[in-house]
Amino acid sequence: MVSLKDKEKVFKKQLIAEGAYELLSNKPYEAVTVDDIARLVGCGKGTLYQYFQNKDHILSYLVLQGLENLCAEVEKQCVKNPDVQSAVNNYLGLLYYFYLDHNQIFSSWSRRKMDKSISAEWINEVNEKLRLRVQMVAGILERGIKEKKFIAVDSCELANIIETIFQDLTFSSAEDRPHSKEPEKVLDLMKVVLNNGILVR
């Protein structure tokens, strides 16, 4: 049985994470301080440090939490979907909106990782979750290949290519690149492009 104290810890950690997400998804990483996060959620900086080692830890937690939620949705909407083409289209939608919502967070995390500011432990946790998701998607694609609905290619490579396309499509690292005001139309176009490329004629 989970104690009231443990439930309170989970609640506070999640409250801090939600406040951090609100700030870090709308501002550059460097423009947000731990004080800003603590102030937004109404706690002291000392309380925040009871749950996270530093701002990089918070950022890594947000990335990991986002990936965990995405994996759960992929499991529910795609892996368990008996119609493989519908499963892939569901995945494309999930991936697209995930990166639209998390592009600032992932962009910041990738920069911090390249700067060697993110600990190896946090990088490994995120990489493990990314591997799990690619394996899930590769399994769906492999099913489509076996059913002769998709072209016969390496399913892991295809899953990675789809990931790269959607990352590049949604990441806002190039601020001069205009983003569509109608994301649904962009997603529909991507589905057409990818489906026409992988479906067996």
Foldseek 3Di string as FASTA:
>chain_A
DDDPVNVVVVVVLVLLLVLLLVVQQVDALVVDACCNSCVSSVHDSVVVCVNAVGSLRSLLVNLLVLLVVLLVCLVVQALPDPPLLSSVLSNLVSLLVSCLSCQSSVVNNVVCVVVVNHDPVSVVSNVVSVVVSLVSQLVSVVVCVVVLFWPDDRSSVVSVVSNVVSSVLRHCPPVVDDHDPDVVVVSVVVSVVVSVHTGDD
